[in-house]
């Protein structure tokens, strides 16, 4: 389930930039992670053990033999 604010206009690089610059810093701060982005408000491509953006998942097509749904809600949800 994702809110409409997760949809971006642009390419994959724009989407990754959104994750690192817009979503990760406030989430790291909210979760009290000890990361540079929690302190500064922007990504410094850190190597912190608490790094919140260490996994970025990209799904190009439905996995074989797997049911998969993405539900988009017409509201801004989260960061």
Protein backbone atom coordinates (compact mmCIF):
# COMPACT_ATOMS: atom_id res chain seq x y z
CA UNK A 1 0.00 0.00 0.00
CA UNK A 2 1.41 3.36 -0.99
CA UNK A 3 0.16 6.91 -1.10
CA UNK A 4 0.06 9.07 -4.20
CA UNK A 5 3.08 11.01 -2.94
CA UNK A 6 5.27 7.97 -3.72
CA UNK A 7 4.63 8.38 -7.47
CA UNK A 8 7.28 10.51 -9.12
CA UNK A 9 7.64 12.11 -12.51
CA UNK A 10 11.01 11.25 -13.96
CA UNK A 11 13.38 8.33 -14.20
CA UNK A 12 14.83 5.83 -11.74
CA UNK A 13 17.49 8.31 -10.66
CA UNK A 14 14.78 10.81 -9.72
CA UNK A 15 13.04 8.12 -7.66
CA UNK A 16 16.24 7.18 -5.82
CA UNK A 17 16.99 10.84 -5.18
CA UNK A 18 13.51 11.19 -3.64
CA UNK A 19 14.18 8.24 -1.33
CA UNK A 20 17.54 9.57 -0.17
CA UNK A 21 16.79 13.29 -0.02
CA UNK A 22 13.11 13.43 0.90
CA UNK A 23 12.00 10.22 2.62
CA UNK A 24 15.03 8.83 4.45
CA UNK A 25 16.12 11.83 6.57
CA UNK A 26 12.75 12.43 8.29
CA UNK A 27 12.21 8.70 8.78
CA UNK A 28 15.67 8.29 10.31
CA UNK A 29 14.91 11.22 12.62
CA UNK A 30 11.48 9.80 13.52
CA UNK A 31 13.01 6.43 14.40
CA UNK A 32 15.88 8.02 16.38
CA UNK A 33 18.51 6.48 14.12
CA UNK A 34 22.06 7.73 14.59
CA UNK A 35 22.75 8.75 10.98
CA UNK A 36 24.15 11.88 9.37
CA UNK A 37 20.88 12.43 7.47
CA UNK A 38 18.87 12.39 10.72
CA UNK A 39 21.07 15.26 11.95
CA UNK A 40 21.53 17.25 8.74
CA UNK A 41 18.27 16.56 6.90
CA UNK A 42 19.98 15.37 3.71
CA UNK A 43 21.74 12.24 2.48
CA UNK A 44 25.51 12.07 2.76
CA UNK A 45 25.75 8.52 1.36
CA UNK A 46 26.93 7.37 4.79
CA UNK A 47 28.10 3.99 5.97
CA UNK A 48 26.28 4.13 9.31
CA UNK A 49 25.04 0.84 10.80
CA UNK A 50 21.66 2.61 11.16
CA UNK A 51 21.57 3.67 7.50
CA UNK A 52 17.87 3.67 6.60
CA UNK A 53 18.27 3.66 2.80
CA UNK A 54 20.48 0.58 2.61
CA UNK A 55 17.85 -1.37 0.64
CA UNK A 56 16.00 0.00 -2.37
CA UNK A 57 13.63 -2.43 -4.06
CA UNK A 58 12.74 -2.10 -7.73
CA UNK A 59 10.09 -4.37 -9.21
CA UNK A 60 10.01 -4.30 -13.00
CA UNK A 61 7.56 -7.15 -13.52
CA UNK A 62 5.48 -9.54 -11.46
CA UNK A 63 7.62 -12.36 -10.06
CA UNK A 64 6.97 -15.77 -11.62
CA UNK A 65 4.42 -17.95 -9.88
CA UNK A 66 3.64 -15.19 -7.41
CA UNK A 67 0.57 -13.07 -6.86
CA UNK A 68 1.59 -9.49 -6.41
CA UNK A 69 -0.47 -6.35 -5.94
CA UNK A 70 0.36 -2.71 -5.41
CA UNK A 71 -2.43 -0.69 -3.88
CA UNK A 72 -2.24 3.07 -4.40
CA UNK A 73 -4.27 5.32 -2.14
CA UNK A 74 -5.30 8.76 -3.39
CA UNK A 75 -3.81 10.43 -0.29
CA UNK A 76 -0.36 11.52 0.79
CA UNK A 77 0.87 8.79 3.15
CA UNK A 78 4.17 8.97 5.00
CA UNK A 79 7.23 10.58 3.46
